[in-house]
N, C-alpha and C. Protein backbone atom coordinates (compact mmCIF):
# COMPACT_ATOMS: atom_id res chain seq x y z
N UNK A 1 131.47 128.18 14.36
CA UNK A 1 131.56 129.54 14.89
C UNK A 1 132.44 129.51 16.15
N UNK A 2 133.48 130.33 16.19
CA UNK A 2 134.32 130.34 17.39
C UNK A 2 133.60 130.98 18.57
N UNK A 3 133.96 130.55 19.76
CA UNK A 3 133.38 131.12 20.97
C UNK A 3 134.10 132.39 21.37
N UNK A 4 133.45 133.22 22.18
CA UNK A 4 134.11 134.41 22.71
C UNK A 4 135.36 134.03 23.49
N UNK A 5 136.32 134.97 23.56
CA UNK A 5 137.59 134.71 24.25
C UNK A 5 137.79 135.76 25.33
N UNK A 6 138.67 135.47 26.27
CA UNK A 6 139.05 136.39 27.33
C UNK A 6 137.80 136.97 28.01
N UNK A 7 136.91 136.09 28.45
CA UNK A 7 135.67 136.50 29.11
C UNK A 7 136.00 136.84 30.56
N UNK A 8 135.73 138.10 30.94
CA UNK A 8 136.13 138.61 32.26
C UNK A 8 135.01 139.44 32.85
N UNK A 9 134.82 139.32 34.16
CA UNK A 9 133.88 140.15 34.90
C UNK A 9 134.67 141.23 35.64
N UNK A 10 134.25 142.49 35.50
CA UNK A 10 134.84 143.57 36.28
C UNK A 10 133.73 144.23 37.08
N UNK A 11 134.09 144.72 38.26
CA UNK A 11 133.09 145.37 39.10
C UNK A 11 133.74 146.49 39.89
N UNK A 12 133.23 147.70 39.68
CA UNK A 12 133.75 148.89 40.36
C UNK A 12 132.55 149.68 40.88
N UNK A 13 132.50 149.86 42.20
CA UNK A 13 131.41 150.62 42.83
C UNK A 13 130.03 150.08 42.44
N UNK A 14 129.89 148.77 42.48
CA UNK A 14 128.65 148.06 42.18
C UNK A 14 128.26 148.10 40.70
N UNK A 15 129.10 148.66 39.84
CA UNK A 15 128.87 148.61 38.39
C UNK A 15 129.61 147.38 37.86
N UNK A 16 128.86 146.35 37.56
CA UNK A 16 129.43 145.05 37.20
C UNK A 16 129.19 144.80 35.71
N UNK A 17 130.28 144.48 34.99
CA UNK A 17 130.22 144.33 33.54
C UNK A 17 130.97 143.07 33.12
N UNK A 18 130.38 142.32 32.20
CA UNK A 18 131.04 141.18 31.57
C UNK A 18 131.64 141.67 30.26
N UNK A 19 132.93 141.40 30.05
CA UNK A 19 133.65 141.80 28.82
C UNK A 19 134.17 140.54 28.13
N UNK A 20 134.29 140.62 26.80
CA UNK A 20 134.91 139.51 26.05
C UNK A 20 135.50 140.05 24.77
N UNK A 21 136.35 139.25 24.17
CA UNK A 21 136.97 139.56 22.88
C UNK A 21 136.38 138.61 21.84
N UNK A 22 136.44 139.05 20.59
CA UNK A 22 135.98 138.18 19.51
C UNK A 22 136.74 138.54 18.24
N UNK A 23 137.17 137.54 17.47
CA UNK A 23 137.96 137.82 16.26
C UNK A 23 137.09 138.50 15.20
N UNK A 24 137.70 139.32 14.36
CA UNK A 24 136.94 139.95 13.26
C UNK A 24 136.36 138.87 12.34
N UNK A 25 135.13 139.10 11.94
CA UNK A 25 134.43 138.15 11.06
C UNK A 25 133.83 138.92 9.89
N UNK A 26 133.60 138.22 8.77
CA UNK A 26 132.99 138.85 7.60
C UNK A 26 131.56 139.30 7.94
N UNK A 27 130.84 138.49 8.70
CA UNK A 27 129.49 138.84 9.12
C UNK A 27 129.53 139.25 10.59
N UNK A 28 128.74 140.24 10.97
CA UNK A 28 128.75 140.74 12.35
C UNK A 28 128.20 139.69 13.31
N UNK A 29 129.00 139.32 14.31
CA UNK A 29 128.50 138.38 15.31
C UNK A 29 127.60 139.09 16.32
N UNK A 30 126.65 138.36 16.84
CA UNK A 30 125.81 138.85 17.93
C UNK A 30 126.02 137.90 19.10
N UNK A 31 125.72 138.39 20.28
CA UNK A 31 126.03 137.63 21.48
C UNK A 31 124.81 137.50 22.39
N UNK A 32 124.80 136.41 23.14
CA UNK A 32 123.76 136.15 24.14
C UNK A 32 124.47 135.86 25.46
N UNK A 33 124.04 136.57 26.51
CA UNK A 33 124.66 136.43 27.83
C UNK A 33 123.64 135.85 28.81
N UNK A 34 124.12 134.94 29.65
CA UNK A 34 123.29 134.34 30.69
C UNK A 34 123.97 134.46 32.05
N UNK A 35 123.16 134.42 33.10
CA UNK A 35 123.63 134.49 34.49
C UNK A 35 123.10 133.28 35.26
N UNK A 36 123.94 132.78 36.17
CA UNK A 36 123.50 131.72 37.07
C UNK A 36 123.84 132.12 38.50
N UNK A 37 122.87 132.71 39.22
CA UNK A 37 123.10 132.98 40.65
C UNK A 37 122.98 131.67 41.43
N UNK A 38 123.75 131.55 42.49
CA UNK A 38 123.74 130.33 43.29
C UNK A 38 122.33 130.02 43.77
N UNK A 39 121.60 131.05 44.23
CA UNK A 39 120.26 130.83 44.77
C UNK A 39 119.28 130.29 43.74
N UNK A 40 119.46 130.67 42.47
CA UNK A 40 118.57 130.21 41.41
C UNK A 40 118.94 128.80 40.97
N UNK A 41 120.23 128.53 40.87
CA UNK A 41 120.69 127.17 40.56
C UNK A 41 120.74 126.80 39.09
N UNK A 42 120.35 127.71 38.20
CA UNK A 42 120.44 127.44 36.77
C UNK A 42 120.64 128.76 36.04
N UNK A 43 121.08 128.65 34.78
CA UNK A 43 121.31 129.84 33.97
C UNK A 43 119.99 130.42 33.48
N UNK A 44 119.95 131.75 33.40
CA UNK A 44 118.82 132.43 32.77
C UNK A 44 119.37 133.53 31.87
N UNK A 45 118.67 133.81 30.80
CA UNK A 45 119.10 134.83 29.85
C UNK A 45 118.96 136.21 30.47
N UNK A 46 119.94 137.06 30.22
CA UNK A 46 119.86 138.47 30.61
C UNK A 46 119.19 139.20 29.45
N UNK A 47 117.96 139.64 29.65
CA UNK A 47 117.14 140.16 28.55
C UNK A 47 117.77 141.35 27.83
N UNK A 48 118.57 142.16 28.53
CA UNK A 48 119.20 143.32 27.89
C UNK A 48 120.45 142.94 27.11
N UNK A 49 120.83 141.67 27.16
CA UNK A 49 122.05 141.22 26.47
C UNK A 49 121.76 140.03 25.57
N UNK A 50 120.72 140.14 24.78
CA UNK A 50 120.35 139.12 23.80
C UNK A 50 120.52 139.71 22.41
N UNK A 51 121.27 139.00 21.56
CA UNK A 51 121.53 139.43 20.19
C UNK A 51 122.17 140.82 20.13
N UNK A 52 123.11 141.06 21.04
CA UNK A 52 123.83 142.34 21.05
C UNK A 52 125.11 142.20 20.22
N UNK A 53 125.54 143.30 19.62
CA UNK A 53 126.79 143.26 18.85
C UNK A 53 127.97 143.77 19.69
N UNK A 54 127.69 144.44 20.81
CA UNK A 54 128.75 144.93 21.69
C UNK A 54 129.48 143.75 22.32
N UNK A 55 130.71 143.99 22.75
CA UNK A 55 131.53 142.93 23.38
C UNK A 55 131.53 143.10 24.90
N UNK A 56 130.41 143.56 25.44
CA UNK A 56 130.25 143.69 26.88
C UNK A 56 128.76 143.67 27.22
N UNK A 57 128.48 143.38 28.49
CA UNK A 57 127.11 143.34 28.98
C UNK A 57 127.11 143.90 30.40
N UNK A 58 126.25 144.88 30.67
CA UNK A 58 126.13 145.46 32.00
C UNK A 58 125.30 144.50 32.86
N UNK A 59 125.91 144.01 33.93
CA UNK A 59 125.27 143.04 34.81
C UNK A 59 124.78 143.68 36.12
N UNK A 60 124.96 144.97 36.27
CA UNK A 60 124.74 145.65 37.54
C UNK A 60 123.35 145.38 38.13
N UNK A 61 122.33 145.38 37.31
CA UNK A 61 120.96 145.19 37.82
C UNK A 61 120.57 143.72 37.91
N UNK A 62 121.47 142.83 37.55
CA UNK A 62 121.19 141.40 37.55
C UNK A 62 121.72 140.67 38.78
N UNK A 63 122.56 141.34 39.55
CA UNK A 63 123.22 140.70 40.69
C UNK A 63 122.22 140.43 41.81
N UNK A 64 122.30 139.25 42.40
CA UNK A 64 121.38 138.84 43.46
C UNK A 64 121.82 139.32 44.83
N UNK A 65 123.02 139.80 44.97
CA UNK A 65 123.49 140.32 46.26
C UNK A 65 125.00 140.21 46.36
N UNK A 66 125.59 140.97 47.30
CA UNK A 66 127.05 141.01 47.40
C UNK A 66 127.69 139.74 47.95
N UNK A 67 126.90 138.85 48.56
CA UNK A 67 127.46 137.64 49.16
C UNK A 67 127.14 136.38 48.35
N UNK A 68 126.41 136.54 47.26
CA UNK A 68 125.93 135.40 46.47
C UNK A 68 126.93 135.07 45.35
N UNK A 69 127.17 133.79 45.13
CA UNK A 69 128.00 133.34 44.01
C UNK A 69 127.21 133.49 42.71
N UNK A 70 127.90 133.98 41.68
CA UNK A 70 127.31 134.12 40.35
C UNK A 70 128.27 133.52 39.33
N UNK A 71 127.70 132.97 38.28
CA UNK A 71 128.47 132.54 37.12
C UNK A 71 127.80 133.17 35.90
N UNK A 72 128.59 133.47 34.90
CA UNK A 72 128.08 134.09 33.68
C UNK A 72 128.61 133.30 32.50
N UNK A 73 127.88 133.36 31.41
CA UNK A 73 128.36 132.74 30.18
C UNK A 73 127.84 133.51 28.99
N UNK A 74 128.60 133.43 27.90
CA UNK A 74 128.27 134.16 26.68
C UNK A 74 128.55 133.26 25.48
N UNK A 75 127.71 133.40 24.46
CA UNK A 75 127.96 132.67 23.20
C UNK A 75 127.77 133.61 22.04
N UNK A 76 128.39 133.26 20.93
CA UNK A 76 128.31 134.05 19.70
C UNK A 76 127.31 133.40 18.75
N UNK A 77 126.59 134.26 18.02
CA UNK A 77 125.65 133.80 17.01
C UNK A 77 125.98 134.54 15.71
N UNK A 78 126.21 133.77 14.64
CA UNK A 78 126.46 134.35 13.32
C UNK A 78 125.51 133.65 12.35
N UNK A 79 124.56 134.43 11.86
CA UNK A 79 123.54 133.85 10.98
C UNK A 79 122.75 132.80 11.73
N UNK A 80 122.70 131.59 11.20
CA UNK A 80 121.96 130.51 11.86
C UNK A 80 122.88 129.61 12.69
N UNK A 81 124.16 129.96 12.76
CA UNK A 81 125.10 129.15 13.53
C UNK A 81 125.44 129.84 14.85
N UNK A 82 125.79 129.04 15.83
CA UNK A 82 126.17 129.60 17.13
C UNK A 82 127.31 128.81 17.74
N UNK A 83 128.05 129.48 18.60
CA UNK A 83 129.18 128.85 19.29
C UNK A 83 128.67 128.14 20.55
N UNK A 84 129.57 127.44 21.18
CA UNK A 84 129.29 126.94 22.51
C UNK A 84 129.36 128.12 23.48
N UNK A 85 128.72 127.99 24.63
CA UNK A 85 128.86 129.02 25.66
C UNK A 85 130.26 128.99 26.24
N UNK A 86 130.78 130.15 26.60
CA UNK A 86 132.04 130.27 27.33
C UNK A 86 131.68 130.86 28.69
N UNK A 87 132.00 130.13 29.76
CA UNK A 87 131.58 130.51 31.11
C UNK A 87 132.73 131.13 31.90
N UNK A 88 132.35 131.96 32.87
CA UNK A 88 133.32 132.56 33.78
C UNK A 88 133.51 131.66 34.98
N UNK A 89 134.53 131.95 35.75
CA UNK A 89 134.67 131.34 37.05
C UNK A 89 133.64 131.98 37.98
N UNK A 90 133.54 131.44 39.16
CA UNK A 90 132.62 132.00 40.17
C UNK A 90 132.97 133.47 40.44
N UNK A 91 131.94 134.29 40.54
CA UNK A 91 132.11 135.71 40.89
C UNK A 91 131.25 136.02 42.10
N UNK A 92 131.88 136.56 43.13
CA UNK A 92 131.18 137.03 44.33
C UNK A 92 131.57 138.49 44.50
N UNK A 93 130.57 139.37 44.48
CA UNK A 93 130.89 140.79 44.53
C UNK A 93 131.75 141.13 45.75
N UNK A 94 131.39 140.62 46.91
CA UNK A 94 132.12 140.93 48.14
C UNK A 94 133.59 140.54 48.02
N UNK A 95 133.86 139.50 47.27
CA UNK A 95 135.22 138.98 47.15
C UNK A 95 135.96 139.56 45.94
N UNK A 96 135.28 139.74 44.83
CA UNK A 96 135.93 140.12 43.58
C UNK A 96 135.65 141.56 43.14
N UNK A 97 134.66 142.21 43.74
CA UNK A 97 134.31 143.58 43.36
C UNK A 97 135.22 144.60 44.03
N UNK A 98 135.29 145.78 43.46
CA UNK A 98 136.10 146.87 44.03
C UNK A 98 135.20 148.04 44.37
N UNK A 99 135.46 148.64 45.51
CA UNK A 99 134.78 149.87 45.91
C UNK A 99 135.83 150.94 46.01
N UNK A 100 135.66 152.00 45.24
CA UNK A 100 136.62 153.10 45.25
C UNK A 100 136.38 154.01 46.45
N UNK A 101 137.29 154.93 46.67
CA UNK A 101 137.13 155.87 47.79
C UNK A 101 135.98 156.85 47.50
N UNK A 102 135.37 157.39 48.55
CA UNK A 102 134.33 158.40 48.32
C UNK A 102 134.94 159.68 47.76
N UNK A 103 134.11 160.47 47.11
CA UNK A 103 134.56 161.77 46.61
C UNK A 103 134.30 162.81 47.69
N UNK A 104 135.25 163.69 47.86
CA UNK A 104 135.15 164.73 48.87
C UNK A 104 135.12 166.10 48.22
N UNK A 105 134.36 166.99 48.82
CA UNK A 105 134.33 168.38 48.41
C UNK A 105 134.48 169.22 49.68
N UNK A 106 135.51 170.04 49.73
CA UNK A 106 135.77 170.88 50.90
C UNK A 106 135.64 172.33 50.47
N UNK A 107 134.86 173.09 51.23
CA UNK A 107 134.72 174.51 50.93
C UNK A 107 134.66 175.31 52.24
N UNK A 108 135.01 176.57 52.11
CA UNK A 108 135.01 177.46 53.27
C UNK A 108 133.87 178.47 53.13
N UNK A 109 133.13 178.63 54.18
CA UNK A 109 132.01 179.57 54.23
C UNK A 109 132.20 180.46 55.47
N UNK A 110 132.83 181.59 55.26
CA UNK A 110 133.13 182.49 56.38
C UNK A 110 134.11 181.82 57.32
N UNK A 111 133.71 181.65 58.55
CA UNK A 111 134.58 181.01 59.54
C UNK A 111 134.31 179.52 59.69
N UNK A 112 133.56 178.91 58.73
CA UNK A 112 133.22 177.49 58.80
C UNK A 112 133.78 176.75 57.59
N UNK A 113 134.10 175.51 57.80
CA UNK A 113 134.55 174.64 56.72
C UNK A 113 133.45 173.61 56.48
N UNK A 114 133.08 173.45 55.22
CA UNK A 114 132.04 172.49 54.86
C UNK A 114 132.69 171.33 54.10
N UNK A 115 132.42 170.10 54.55
CA UNK A 115 132.95 168.91 53.90
C UNK A 115 131.76 168.08 53.43
N UNK A 116 131.68 167.87 52.13
CA UNK A 116 130.65 166.99 51.54
C UNK A 116 131.33 165.70 51.13
N UNK A 117 130.72 164.59 51.54
CA UNK A 117 131.24 163.26 51.18
C UNK A 117 130.20 162.61 50.30
N UNK A 118 130.64 162.18 49.09
CA UNK A 118 129.74 161.56 48.13
C UNK A 118 130.03 160.08 48.06
N UNK A 119 128.96 159.31 48.27
CA UNK A 119 129.03 157.85 48.22
C UNK A 119 129.53 157.40 46.85
N UNK A 120 130.43 156.41 46.79
CA UNK A 120 130.92 155.96 45.47
C UNK A 120 129.83 155.33 44.70
């Protein structure tokens, strides 16, 4: 069974997602994703990303903090066979994550201007 390819972590406004590619197969592959936070020191399964058929996993609620190093890995399972895990490089939200600009809403109320700023 081939392993997942082009495994990449993206993070925008604290929404962190692991993405990967996989070649078309006669039987639908399923995937298992694991996380290794530096503080924990070993990989653990992400319960929401076990035996999934999607080629992505939402990691947002799994992150240990913006300054902590994380590693992720994913493997493919087809029937009773499975691939080796494919791991990412180190990911640190503070270093690799992106925060977009806040959203602004400006309105006029009589002789006053109201500015609402929405957190990203």
